[in-house]
C-alpha atoms as a PDB file:
ATOM      1  CA  MET A   1       5.239   6.414 -15.130  1.00  0.00           C
ATOM      2  CA  ASP A   2       8.216   7.582 -13.332  1.00  0.00           C
ATOM      3  CA  LEU A   3       9.042   5.955 -10.139  1.00  0.00           C
ATOM      4  CA  GLN A   4       8.418   8.351  -7.996  1.00  0.00           C
ATOM      5  CA  THR A   5       4.462   7.908  -9.036  1.00  0.00           C
ATOM      6  CA  HIS A   6       4.912   4.467  -9.335  1.00  0.00           C
ATOM      7  CA  PHE A   7       5.954   4.413  -5.261  1.00  0.00           C
ATOM      8  CA  LYS A   8       3.221   6.802  -4.297  1.00  0.00           C
ATOM      9  CA  LYS A   9       0.671   4.001  -6.455  1.00  0.00           C
ATOM     10  CA  MET A  10       2.291   1.692  -4.105  1.00  0.00           C
ATOM     11  CA  ALA A  11       1.915   3.560  -0.742  1.00  0.00           C
ATOM     12  CA  ALA A  12      -1.485   3.860  -1.540  1.00  0.00           C
ATOM     13  CA  ASN A  13      -1.992   0.522  -2.016  1.00  0.00           C
ATOM     14  CA  ASN A  14       0.065  -0.527   0.769  1.00  0.00           C
ATOM     15  CA  ARG A  15      -2.766   1.480   2.987  1.00  0.00           C
ATOM     16  CA  TRP A  16      -5.675  -0.098   0.753  1.00  0.00           C
ATOM     17  CA  SER A  17      -4.331  -3.595   1.203  1.00  0.00           C
ATOM     18  CA  ASN A  18      -3.674  -3.139   4.758  1.00  0.00           C
ATOM     19  CA  ARG A  19      -7.257  -1.601   5.714  1.00  0.00           C
ATOM     20  CA  ARG A  20      -8.558  -4.773   3.718  1.00  0.00           C
ATOM     21  CA  LEU A  21      -6.547  -7.228   5.541  1.00  0.00           C
ATOM     22  CA  MET A  22      -7.240  -5.356   9.021  1.00  0.00           C
ATOM     23  CA  ARG A  23     -10.305  -5.228   8.741  1.00  0.00           C
ATOM     24  CA  ALA A  24     -11.040  -8.656   7.605  1.00  0.00           C
ATOM     25  CA  VAL A  25      -8.251  -9.662  11.539  1.00  0.00           C
ATOM     26  CA  LEU A  26     -10.705  -7.199  13.355  1.00  0.00           C
ATOM     27  CA  ALA A  27     -13.620  -9.527  12.383  1.00  0.00           C
ATOM     28  CA  LEU A  28     -11.273 -13.017  13.892  1.00  0.00           C
ATOM     29  CA  GLU A  29     -13.324 -14.917  17.015  1.00  0.00           C
ATOM     30  CA  PRO A  30     -11.351 -14.453  20.295  1.00  0.00           C
ATOM     31  CA  GLY A  31      -8.008 -16.891  19.744  1.00  0.00           C
ATOM     32  CA  GLU A  32      -8.299 -16.795  16.258  1.00  0.00           C
ATOM     33  CA  PHE A  33      -5.619 -13.636  15.857  1.00  0.00           C
ATOM     34  CA  GLU A  34      -2.705 -15.482  17.859  1.00  0.00           C
ATOM     35  CA  ALA A  35      -3.690 -19.636  17.176  1.00  0.00           C
ATOM     36  CA  PRO A  36      -0.576 -21.203  15.757  1.00  0.00           C
ATOM     37  CA  ARG A  37      -0.835 -21.647  11.979  1.00  0.00           C
ATOM     38  CA  THR A  38       1.265 -22.470   9.411  1.00  0.00           C
ATOM     39  CA  GLY A  39       3.603 -19.737   7.885  1.00  0.00           C
ATOM     40  CA  PHE A  40       7.100 -18.263   8.749  1.00  0.00           C
ATOM     41  CA  PHE A  41       5.705 -15.987  11.945  1.00  0.00           C
ATOM     42  CA  PRO A  42       3.220 -18.762  13.481  1.00  0.00           C
ATOM     43  CA  SER A  43       0.569 -16.712  13.576  1.00  0.00           C
ATOM     44  CA  ILE A  44      -1.639 -13.812  12.123  1.00  0.00           C
ATOM     45  CA  ALA A  45      -0.395 -11.852  15.117  1.00  0.00           C
ATOM     46  CA  LYS A  46       3.263 -12.044  14.691  1.00  0.00           C
ATOM     47  CA  THR A  47       3.292 -12.113  11.352  1.00  0.00           C
ATOM     48  CA  LEU A  48       1.647  -8.715  11.281  1.00  0.00           C
ATOM     49  CA  ASN A  49       4.069  -7.778  14.396  1.00  0.00           C
ATOM     50  CA  HIS A  50       6.621  -8.023  12.336  1.00  0.00           C
ATOM     51  CA  ILE A  51       5.290  -6.604   9.139  1.00  0.00           C
ATOM     52  CA  LEU A  52       4.767  -3.270  11.156  1.00  0.00           C
ATOM     53  CA  ALA A  53       8.521  -4.164  13.180  1.00  0.00           C
ATOM     54  CA  VAL A  54      10.188  -3.933   9.961  1.00  0.00           C
ATOM     55  CA  ASP A  55       8.384  -1.183   8.619  1.00  0.00           C
ATOM     56  CA  LEU A  56       9.720   0.993  11.567  1.00  0.00           C
ATOM     57  CA  TYR A  57      13.525   0.059  11.148  1.00  0.00           C
ATOM     58  CA  TYR A  58      13.033   0.758   7.177  1.00  0.00           C
ATOM     59  CA  LEU A  59      10.918   4.024   7.363  1.00  0.00           C
ATOM     60  CA  ASP A  60      13.559   5.327  10.087  1.00  0.00           C
ATOM     61  CA  ALA A  61      16.394   4.397   7.375  1.00  0.00           C
ATOM     62  CA  LEU A  62      14.162   6.578   4.716  1.00  0.00           C
ATOM     63  CA  GLU A  63      13.454   9.597   7.351  1.00  0.00           C
ATOM     64  CA  GLU A  64      17.120   9.016   8.407  1.00  0.00           C
ATOM     65  CA  GLY A  65      16.040   9.162  11.646  1.00  0.00           C
ATOM     66  CA  GLY A  66      19.477   7.687  13.521  1.00  0.00           C
ATOM     67  CA  ARG A  67      17.514   4.968  15.338  1.00  0.00           C
ATOM     68  CA  GLY A  68      18.941   2.427  13.226  1.00  0.00           C
ATOM     69  CA  PRO A  69      18.152  -1.145  14.566  1.00  0.00           C
ATOM     70  CA  SER A  70      16.773  -0.344  17.679  1.00  0.00           C
ATOM     71  CA  ALA A  71      13.554   0.532  15.559  1.00  0.00           C
ATOM     72  CA  PHE A  72      13.208  -3.098  14.970  1.00  0.00           C
ATOM     73  CA  HIS A  73      14.543  -4.823  18.145  1.00  0.00           C
ATOM     74  CA  ASP A  74      12.665  -2.027  20.544  1.00  0.00           C
ATOM     75  CA  PHE A  75       9.352  -2.543  18.672  1.00  0.00           C
ATOM     76  CA  VAL A  76       7.222  -4.337  21.221  1.00  0.00           C
ATOM     77  CA  ALA A  77       4.422  -6.727  19.487  1.00  0.00           C
ATOM     78  CA  PHE A  78       1.193  -6.071  20.057  1.00  0.00           C
ATOM     79  CA  GLU A  79      -1.241  -8.765  21.495  1.00  0.00           C
ATOM     80  CA  ASP A  80      -4.671  -6.555  20.799  1.00  0.00           C
ATOM     81  CA  PRO A  81      -5.227  -6.337  17.001  1.00  0.00           C
ATOM     82  CA  ALA A  82      -7.123  -3.250  17.215  1.00  0.00           C
ATOM     83  CA  ALA A  83      -4.205  -1.398  18.828  1.00  0.00           C
ATOM     84  CA  LEU A  84      -2.267  -3.325  15.751  1.00  0.00           C
ATOM     85  CA  ALA A  85      -4.442  -2.265  13.317  1.00  0.00           C
ATOM     86  CA  GLN A  86      -4.395   1.385  14.983  1.00  0.00           C
ATOM     87  CA  ALA A  87      -0.654   0.979  14.484  1.00  0.00           C
ATOM     88  CA  ARG A  88      -0.956   0.136  10.995  1.00  0.00           C
ATOM     89  CA  ARG A  89      -2.698   3.132  10.231  1.00  0.00           C
ATOM     90  CA  VAL A  90      -0.616   5.455  11.315  1.00  0.00           C
ATOM     91  CA  GLU A  91       3.090   3.954   9.223  1.00  0.00           C
ATOM     92  CA  ASP A  92       0.648   3.779   6.364  1.00  0.00           C
ATOM     93  CA  GLU A  93       0.051   7.505   6.810  1.00  0.00           C
ATOM     94  CA  ARG A  94       3.789   7.933   6.933  1.00  0.00           C
ATOM     95  CA  LEU A  95       4.740   5.983   4.512  1.00  0.00           C
ATOM     96  CA  ILE A  96       2.310   7.532   2.073  1.00  0.00           C
ATOM     97  CA  ALA A  97       3.611  11.008   3.200  1.00  0.00           C
ATOM     98  CA  LEU A  98       7.523   9.801   2.530  1.00  0.00           C
ATOM     99  CA  CYS A  99       6.379   8.922  -0.677  1.00  0.00           C
ATOM    100  CA  GLU A 100       4.773  12.091  -1.244  1.00  0.00           C
ATOM    101  CA  ARG A 101       7.547  14.519  -0.319  1.00  0.00           C
ATOM    102  CA  LEU A 102      10.515  12.488  -2.197  1.00  0.00           C
ATOM    103  CA  GLY A 103      11.027  13.511  -6.440  1.00  0.00           C
ATOM    104  CA  ASN A 104      12.612  11.669  -8.552  1.00  0.00           C
ATOM    105  CA  ALA A 105      16.291  12.387  -7.959  1.00  0.00           C
ATOM    106  CA  ASP A 106      15.431  11.030  -4.517  1.00  0.00           C
ATOM    107  CA  MET A 107      14.976   7.651  -5.534  1.00  0.00           C
ATOM    108  CA  ALA A 108      19.356   7.328  -6.637  1.00  0.00           C
ATOM    109  CA  ARG A 109      20.042   9.105  -4.069  1.00  0.00           C
ATOM    110  CA  ARG A 110      21.014   6.881  -0.574  1.00  0.00           C
ATOM    111  CA  VAL A 111      20.385   6.846   3.239  1.00  0.00           C
ATOM    112  CA  VAL A 112      22.158   4.619   5.791  1.00  0.00           C
ATOM    113  CA  THR A 113      20.393   1.098   6.946  1.00  0.00           C
ATOM    114  CA  ASP A 114      22.528   0.429   9.911  1.00  0.00           C
ATOM    115  CA  ARG A 115      22.493  -3.167  10.128  1.00  0.00           C
ATOM    116  CA  GLY A 116      24.295  -3.700  14.106  1.00  0.00           C
ATOM    117  CA  GLU A 117      27.287  -5.583  14.058  1.00  0.00           C
ATOM    118  CA  ALA A 118      26.788  -6.549  10.105  1.00  0.00           C
ATOM    119  CA  GLY A 119      27.582  -2.949   9.877  1.00  0.00           C
ATOM    120  CA  ARG A 120      26.236   0.230   7.771  1.00  0.00           C
ATOM    121  CA  PHE A 121      25.474  -0.024   4.619  1.00  0.00           C
ATOM    122  CA  PRO A 122      24.065   2.684   2.339  1.00  0.00           C
ATOM    123  CA  GLU A 123      21.203   1.992  -0.051  1.00  0.00           C
ATOM    124  CA  LEU A 124      19.731   3.541  -2.579  1.00  0.00           C
ATOM    125  CA  VAL A 125      16.153   5.280  -1.715  1.00  0.00           C
ATOM    126  CA  GLY A 126      14.361   3.375  -4.840  1.00  0.00           C
ATOM    127  CA  ASP A 127      15.451   0.213  -3.500  1.00  0.00           C
ATOM    128  CA  LEU A 128      14.274   0.379  -0.204  1.00  0.00           C
ATOM    129  CA  LEU A 129      10.927   1.958  -0.963  1.00  0.00           C
ATOM    130  CA  ALA A 130      10.929  -1.433  -3.331  1.00  0.00           C
ATOM    131  CA  HIS A 131      12.400  -3.837  -0.878  1.00  0.00           C
ATOM    132  CA  LEU A 132       9.590  -2.580   1.637  1.00  0.00           C
ATOM    133  CA  PHE A 133       6.552  -3.127  -0.892  1.00  0.00           C
ATOM    134  CA  LEU A 134       8.266  -6.453  -1.752  1.00  0.00           C
ATOM    135  CA  HIS A 135       8.304  -7.399   2.293  1.00  0.00           C
ATOM    136  CA  GLN A 136       4.980  -6.070   2.539  1.00  0.00           C
ATOM    137  CA  ILE A 137       3.662  -8.403  -0.122  1.00  0.00           C
ATOM    138  CA  HIS A 138       5.395 -10.848   0.713  1.00  0.00           C
ATOM    139  CA  HIS A 139       3.619 -11.446   4.016  1.00  0.00           C
ATOM    140  CA  ARG A 140       0.295 -10.007   3.513  1.00  0.00           C
ATOM    141  CA  GLY A 141      -0.040 -13.151   1.657  1.00  0.00           C
ATOM    142  CA  GLN A 142       0.891 -15.259   4.179  1.00  0.00           C
ATOM    143  CA  VAL A 143      -1.638 -13.727   6.548  1.00  0.00           C
ATOM    144  CA  HIS A 144      -4.094 -14.288   3.587  1.00  0.00           C
ATOM    145  CA  ALA A 145      -3.553 -18.213   3.115  1.00  0.00           C
ATOM    146  CA  MET A 146      -3.307 -18.054   6.998  1.00  0.00           C
ATOM    147  CA  LEU A 147      -6.886 -16.406   7.054  1.00  0.00           C
ATOM    148  CA  SER A 148      -8.200 -19.159   5.142  1.00  0.00           C
ATOM    149  CA  GLY A 149      -8.192 -21.710   8.144  1.00  0.00           C
ATOM    150  CA  THR A 150     -10.179 -19.249  10.232  1.00  0.00           C
ATOM    151  CA  THR A 151     -14.205 -18.104  10.035  1.00  0.00           C
ATOM    152  CA  VAL A 152     -13.367 -15.025   8.118  1.00  0.00           C
ATOM    153  CA  LYS A 153     -12.986 -14.558   4.532  1.00  0.00           C
ATOM    154  CA  PRO A 154     -10.083 -13.401   3.973  1.00  0.00           C
ATOM    155  CA  PRO A 155     -10.562 -10.361   1.918  1.00  0.00           C
ATOM    156  CA  GLN A 156      -9.534  -9.682  -1.875  1.00  0.00           C
ATOM    157  CA  LEU A 157      -6.667  -7.803  -2.418  1.00  0.00           C
ATOM    158  CA  ASP A 158      -5.396  -7.854  -6.043  1.00  0.00           C
ATOM    159  CA  GLU A 159      -7.978  -5.036  -7.450  1.00  0.00           C
ATOM    160  CA  PHE A 160      -6.121  -1.878  -6.877  1.00  0.00           C
ATOM    161  CA  PHE A 161      -3.777  -0.237 -10.041  1.00  0.00           C
ATOM    162  CA  LEU A 162      -5.943  -1.332 -13.450  1.00  0.00           C
ATOM    163  CA  ASP A 163      -8.916   1.225 -14.389  1.00  0.00           C
ATOM    164  CA  PHE A 164     -11.281  -2.400 -14.709  1.00  0.00           C
ATOM    165  CA  ASP A 165     -10.814  -2.449 -10.700  1.00  0.00           C
ATOM    166  CA  ALA A 166     -11.347   1.455  -9.728  1.00  0.00           C
ATOM    167  CA  PRO A 167     -14.941   0.872  -9.209  1.00  0.00           C
ATOM    168  CA  SER A 168     -15.007  -2.214  -6.782  1.00  0.00           C
ATOM    169  CA  ARG A 169     -12.136   0.405  -4.588  1.00  0.00           C
ATOM    170  CA  ARG A 170     -13.653   4.196  -5.132  1.00  0.00           C
ATOM    171  CA  GLY A 171     -15.550   4.544  -1.867  1.00  0.00           C
ATOM    172  CA  GLU A 172     -12.955   2.562   0.453  1.00  0.00           C
ATOM    173  CA  MET A 173     -10.188   5.107  -0.763  1.00  0.00           C
ATOM    174  CA  ASP A 174     -11.383   7.903   1.086  1.00  0.00           C
ATOM    175  CA  GLU A 175     -13.242   6.163   3.666  1.00  0.00           C
ATOM    176  CA  PRO A 176     -12.526   6.370   7.157  1.00  0.00           C
ATOM    177  CA  ASP A 177     -10.933   3.132   9.060  1.00  0.00           C
END
């Protein structure tokens, strides 16, 4: 499998995982979304908002949008899980579209990440995508663990890539949110 195909599959997995996770979040009892929990960001709300804010920053860099750090720093956290879920869907589709547009040669192309006072750093597109997916997986895992302390069972998030798993996800891939 070439890198472009891998990233397209990762973007599809990202959307699928986020859909599953957000369905669980939307089923939480009142107060559970923002309740203090053990984690790097001390609530489900703060962790999911952080993931989205970082995605906005990296997607801007990958699309060479020019917003730089403001894509992250100007982010206004969502207090309503339904609004957050909608914003998450938009960015997941944006990431899929980006990965669909990129060719294998793009993976070795550099785009500038503006780190504010730390400077501007040219990064490989392939490395930025790998980092974006790793960041998502890392923090989704934290939310998954936080859900264990709620009224909602954490969803299965690792049934995606293998042919064996295809029947368990087939219907979800095309259903609307």
